[in-house]
Protein backbone atom coordinates (compact mmCIF):
# COMPACT_ATOMS: atom_id res chain seq x y z
CA UNK A 1 6.98 11.69 -37.08
CA UNK A 2 9.01 11.19 -33.66
CA UNK A 3 11.63 9.01 -35.47
CA UNK A 4 11.86 11.75 -37.93
CA UNK A 5 12.85 14.64 -35.51
CA UNK A 6 16.25 15.73 -34.84
CA UNK A 7 15.83 16.36 -31.05
CA UNK A 8 13.27 15.29 -28.53
CA UNK A 9 13.01 16.19 -24.84
CA UNK A 10 12.93 13.65 -22.30
CA UNK A 11 9.42 13.83 -21.87
CA UNK A 12 8.97 12.78 -25.35
CA UNK A 13 11.61 10.09 -25.20
CA UNK A 14 9.87 8.69 -22.38
CA UNK A 15 6.12 8.92 -23.50
CA UNK A 16 6.84 8.61 -27.21
CA UNK A 17 4.37 11.33 -27.63
CA UNK A 18 4.91 14.90 -28.79
CA UNK A 19 2.32 18.05 -28.70
CA UNK A 20 4.92 20.64 -30.00
CA UNK A 21 7.18 20.57 -32.95
CA UNK A 22 9.88 23.35 -33.57
CA UNK A 23 11.62 23.76 -36.63
CA UNK A 24 15.26 24.62 -35.90
CA UNK A 25 18.31 25.15 -38.01
CA UNK A 26 19.22 21.25 -37.69
CA UNK A 27 15.80 20.18 -38.33
CA UNK A 28 12.71 19.32 -36.07
CA UNK A 29 12.63 19.55 -32.28
CA UNK A 30 10.02 17.58 -30.60
CA UNK A 31 8.78 18.36 -27.07
CA UNK A 32 5.41 17.34 -24.73
CA UNK A 33 4.23 20.09 -22.80
CA UNK A 34 1.52 18.22 -21.17
CA UNK A 35 4.01 16.27 -19.41
CA UNK A 36 5.60 19.14 -17.28
CA UNK A 37 2.23 20.98 -17.28
CA UNK A 38 0.35 18.07 -15.32
CA UNK A 39 3.40 18.19 -12.84
CA UNK A 40 3.29 21.94 -12.40
CA UNK A 41 -0.47 22.11 -12.10
CA UNK A 42 -0.72 19.36 -9.35
CA UNK A 43 2.26 20.57 -7.27
CA UNK A 44 0.87 24.18 -7.24
CA UNK A 45 -1.91 22.56 -5.32
CA UNK A 46 -0.05 21.58 -2.55
CA UNK A 47 1.16 24.18 0.10
CA UNK A 48 4.82 23.97 1.87
CA UNK A 49 2.96 22.13 4.67
CA UNK A 50 2.19 19.48 2.67
CA UNK A 51 6.05 18.63 1.81
CA UNK A 52 8.09 16.36 4.09
CA UNK A 53 10.77 17.42 6.40
CA UNK A 54 13.31 15.07 4.78
CA UNK A 55 14.10 15.75 1.09
CA UNK A 56 16.68 13.50 0.21
CA UNK A 57 16.00 12.14 -3.38
CA UNK A 58 15.16 8.41 -4.25
CA UNK A 59 16.72 6.90 -7.43
CA UNK A 60 13.76 6.14 -9.68
CA UNK A 61 12.52 2.68 -9.09
CA UNK A 62 13.81 2.12 -5.79
CA UNK A 63 11.47 0.81 -2.72
CA UNK A 64 9.54 3.28 -0.84
CA UNK A 65 10.49 4.24 2.48
CA UNK A 66 9.50 1.45 5.07
CA UNK A 67 6.24 2.00 7.17
CA UNK A 68 6.66 4.51 9.92
CA UNK A 69 9.67 6.22 8.35
CA UNK A 70 9.91 9.83 6.67
CA UNK A 71 8.89 9.43 3.01
CA UNK A 72 11.69 10.56 0.98
CA UNK A 73 10.38 12.72 -2.05
CA UNK A 74 12.14 12.53 -5.38
CA UNK A 75 13.36 16.00 -5.72
CA UNK A 76 11.41 17.19 -2.92
CA UNK A 77 8.27 16.64 -4.80
CA UNK A 78 4.85 16.51 -2.84
CA UNK A 79 3.58 13.84 -5.26
CA UNK A 80 6.12 11.17 -4.21
CA UNK A 81 4.36 8.23 -2.91
CA UNK A 82 0.85 9.56 -3.56
CA UNK A 83 -1.78 7.18 -4.60
CA UNK A 84 -3.22 8.52 -7.80
CA UNK A 85 -6.02 6.93 -9.78
CA UNK A 86 -5.78 8.08 -13.57
CA UNK A 87 -8.96 7.56 -15.48
CA UNK A 88 -8.45 7.06 -19.24
CA UNK A 89 -5.66 5.84 -21.43
CA UNK A 90 -5.42 8.25 -24.24
CA UNK A 91 -2.79 11.07 -25.04
CA UNK A 92 -3.48 13.06 -22.10
CA UNK A 93 -3.67 10.08 -19.63
CA UNK A 94 -0.16 8.91 -21.15
CA UNK A 95 1.34 12.20 -20.34
CA UNK A 96 -0.23 11.96 -16.84
CA UNK A 97 0.73 8.53 -15.96
CA UNK A 98 4.25 8.74 -17.16
CA UNK A 99 4.95 12.15 -15.46
CA UNK A 100 3.35 11.10 -12.01
CA UNK A 101 5.23 7.77 -12.25
CA UNK A 102 8.56 9.51 -12.77
CA UNK A 103 7.81 11.90 -10.00
CA UNK A 104 7.52 9.00 -7.51
CA UNK A 105 3.60 8.58 -7.50
CA UNK A 106 2.09 5.33 -7.00
CA UNK A 107 -0.08 5.38 -10.20
CA UNK A 108 -3.30 2.93 -10.91
CA UNK A 109 -4.85 3.16 -14.37
CA UNK A 110 -8.22 2.29 -15.49
CA UNK A 111 -10.06 2.68 -18.73
CA UNK A 112 -13.32 2.35 -20.26
CA UNK A 113 -11.51 0.16 -22.90
CA UNK A 114 -9.76 -2.47 -20.86
CA UNK A 115 -7.06 -3.47 -23.59
CA UNK A 116 -5.95 0.16 -23.65
CA UNK A 117 -5.54 0.53 -19.85
CA UNK A 118 -3.71 -2.49 -19.67
CA UNK A 119 -1.59 -1.53 -22.29
CA UNK A 120 -0.58 1.63 -20.81
CA UNK A 121 -0.07 0.33 -17.30
CA UNK A 122 2.39 -2.40 -18.73
CA UNK A 123 4.14 0.29 -20.65
CA UNK A 124 4.84 2.44 -17.61
CA UNK A 125 5.30 -0.43 -15.18
CA UNK A 126 2.00 0.47 -12.90
CA UNK A 127 -1.03 -1.09 -11.68
CA UNK A 128 -4.12 -1.65 -13.72
CA UNK A 129 -7.67 -2.15 -12.59
CA UNK A 130 -11.17 -2.89 -14.38
CA UNK A 131 -13.23 0.29 -14.95
CA UNK A 132 -16.01 -1.25 -12.83
CA UNK A 133 -13.76 -1.44 -9.98
CA UNK A 134 -12.82 2.28 -10.06
CA UNK A 135 -14.37 3.08 -7.00
CA UNK A 136 -13.07 0.55 -5.03
CA UNK A 137 -9.29 2.15 -5.23
CA UNK A 138 -8.01 4.22 -1.87
CA UNK A 139 -6.27 7.26 -3.52
CA UNK A 140 -4.86 10.49 -2.67
CA UNK A 141 -5.38 12.20 -6.34
CA UNK A 142 -8.08 11.30 -8.79
CA UNK A 143 -7.11 12.47 -12.40
CA UNK A 144 -9.98 12.21 -15.09
CA UNK A 145 -8.31 12.12 -18.36
CA UNK A 146 -11.66 10.76 -20.35
CA UNK A 147 -13.95 13.04 -22.30
CA UNK A 148 -16.77 12.33 -19.76
CA UNK A 149 -18.02 15.61 -18.58
CA UNK A 150 -17.01 17.58 -21.77
CA UNK A 151 -19.42 19.93 -23.60
CA UNK A 152 -22.10 18.89 -24.56
CA UNK A 153 -22.44 16.06 -22.22
CA UNK A 154 -22.01 18.41 -19.06
CA UNK A 155 -24.43 16.22 -16.96
CA UNK A 156 -21.89 13.37 -16.49
CA UNK A 157 -19.20 12.55 -14.18
CA UNK A 158 -16.52 9.70 -14.65
CA UNK A 159 -16.96 8.70 -10.75
CA UNK A 160 -20.13 8.74 -8.22
CA UNK A 161 -19.97 11.64 -5.84
CA UNK A 162 -19.91 9.26 -2.78
CA UNK A 163 -16.13 8.58 -3.96
CA UNK A 164 -15.26 12.15 -3.37
CA UNK A 165 -14.10 12.58 0.10
CA UNK A 166 -12.74 15.69 1.90
CA UNK A 167 -9.01 16.19 1.36
CA UNK A 168 -8.92 14.24 -2.09
CA UNK A 169 -7.49 16.05 -5.00
CA UNK A 170 -9.36 16.08 -7.91
CA UNK A 171 -7.86 16.91 -11.41
CA UNK A 172 -10.08 17.12 -14.53
CA UNK A 173 -8.19 17.57 -17.65
CA UNK A 174 -11.60 18.50 -19.43
CA UNK A 175 -11.50 22.44 -19.97
CA UNK A 176 -14.89 22.92 -21.68
CA UNK A 177 -16.49 23.57 -19.39
CA UNK A 178 -13.81 24.52 -16.74
CA UNK A 179 -16.21 23.70 -13.90
CA UNK A 180 -17.35 20.13 -14.86
CA UNK A 181 -19.83 18.03 -12.84
CA UNK A 182 -16.75 16.31 -11.46
CA UNK A 183 -15.23 19.68 -10.46
CA UNK A 184 -18.46 20.87 -9.02
CA UNK A 185 -19.31 17.97 -6.99
CA UNK A 186 -15.46 17.80 -5.76
CA UNK A 187 -15.71 21.49 -4.46
CA UNK A 188 -19.09 20.72 -2.51
CA UNK A 189 -17.66 17.60 -1.08
CA UNK A 190 -14.39 19.65 0.42
CA UNK A 191 -11.93 18.15 -2.06
CA UNK A 192 -9.00 19.94 -3.71
CA UNK A 193 -9.51 20.58 -7.18
CA UNK A 194 -7.31 21.43 -10.19
CA UNK A 195 -9.29 22.39 -13.48
CA UNK A 196 -8.29 21.49 -17.24
CA UNK A 197 -7.86 25.24 -17.64
CA UNK A 198 -5.02 25.42 -15.16
CA UNK A 199 -3.35 22.41 -17.34
CA UNK A 200 -4.33 24.17 -20.57
CA UNK A 201 -2.74 27.50 -19.55
CA UNK A 202 0.45 25.95 -18.25
CA UNK A 203 1.35 23.78 -21.23
CA UNK A 204 0.45 26.69 -23.53
CA UNK A 205 2.77 28.85 -21.42
CA UNK A 206 5.67 26.26 -21.98
CA UNK A 207 4.92 26.13 -25.95
CA UNK A 208 4.86 29.94 -25.92
CA UNK A 209 8.23 30.11 -24.38
CA UNK A 210 9.50 27.01 -26.74
CA UNK A 211 8.23 29.30 -29.74
CA UNK A 212 9.44 32.69 -28.76
CA UNK A 213 12.31 32.28 -26.16
CA UNK A 214 10.47 34.42 -23.81
CA UNK A 215 8.57 33.84 -20.54
CA UNK A 216 4.84 33.87 -21.01
CA UNK A 217 2.21 36.14 -19.93
CA UNK A 218 0.87 33.55 -17.70
CA UNK A 219 -1.77 35.69 -15.58
CA UNK A 220 -2.85 37.25 -19.00
CA UNK A 221 -3.02 33.78 -21.01
CA UNK A 222 -5.36 32.39 -17.88
CA UNK A 223 -7.61 35.45 -17.91
CA UNK A 224 -8.12 35.18 -21.71
CA UNK A 225 -8.74 31.43 -21.53
CA UNK A 226 -11.48 31.93 -18.89
CA UNK A 227 -13.01 34.67 -20.66
CA UNK A 228 -13.28 32.67 -23.80
CA UNK A 229 -14.58 29.67 -22.09
CA UNK A 230 -17.11 31.46 -19.95
CA UNK A 231 -20.85 30.51 -20.28
CA UNK A 232 -21.62 34.20 -21.22
CA UNK A 233 -19.13 34.41 -23.91
CA UNK A 234 -20.21 31.20 -25.54
CA UNK A 235 -23.58 32.34 -25.60
CA UNK A 236 -23.20 35.66 -27.05
CA UNK A 237 -21.12 34.16 -30.00
CA UNK A 238 -23.90 31.76 -30.46
CA UNK A 239 -26.50 34.29 -30.72
CA UNK A 240 -24.24 36.38 -33.06
CA UNK A 241 -23.87 33.36 -35.36
CA UNK A 242 -27.69 32.78 -35.77
């Protein structure tokens, strides 16, 4: 499909994956809104105090700043030089890993199917580890791109609670439910959390703008999504179907 499109954005060209197709006068245009949505979700989690004083961009692929020197963030990104552990190797993990690597993060990928994790890591040019070794990784950001914790298996988490330390940023791409067991345990242990609903809304807002040419009503979209996914709404709809 991608080979047949007339235009593709930079994210599609990099990841070779698209989640949005727009029919234009000259043919199909392909976009990957997960790519930008991931970056926006994580960057919104960092306050201005997390950003370094020096913001000179570093060319992609250049060596990191020497020890003891101020880190240089690519385009002022607070994600630059952050150690990120990505769980999973599917479509969302591909967008997440490419986006964070491009933004200067130090990405490590692990997957329950080792071959898929290794293939994605080699594609991106980052580190890959065995799934059984995931708890030994020291990281600033944990991103869950697996289905672990998704409805109906809501009593599962992809990591042991002891892995969750205060100050760690935990991003769970699962949005049904929004408060997964991973998110709940991360909050209880003093971690920063980013939920799958945030990514869902941000990437959908980008799609809205692509389809309509207008800015999306993000606050309204977030309110409606949270309401639709609330346990009360789900229970009421289930009762109506009976």
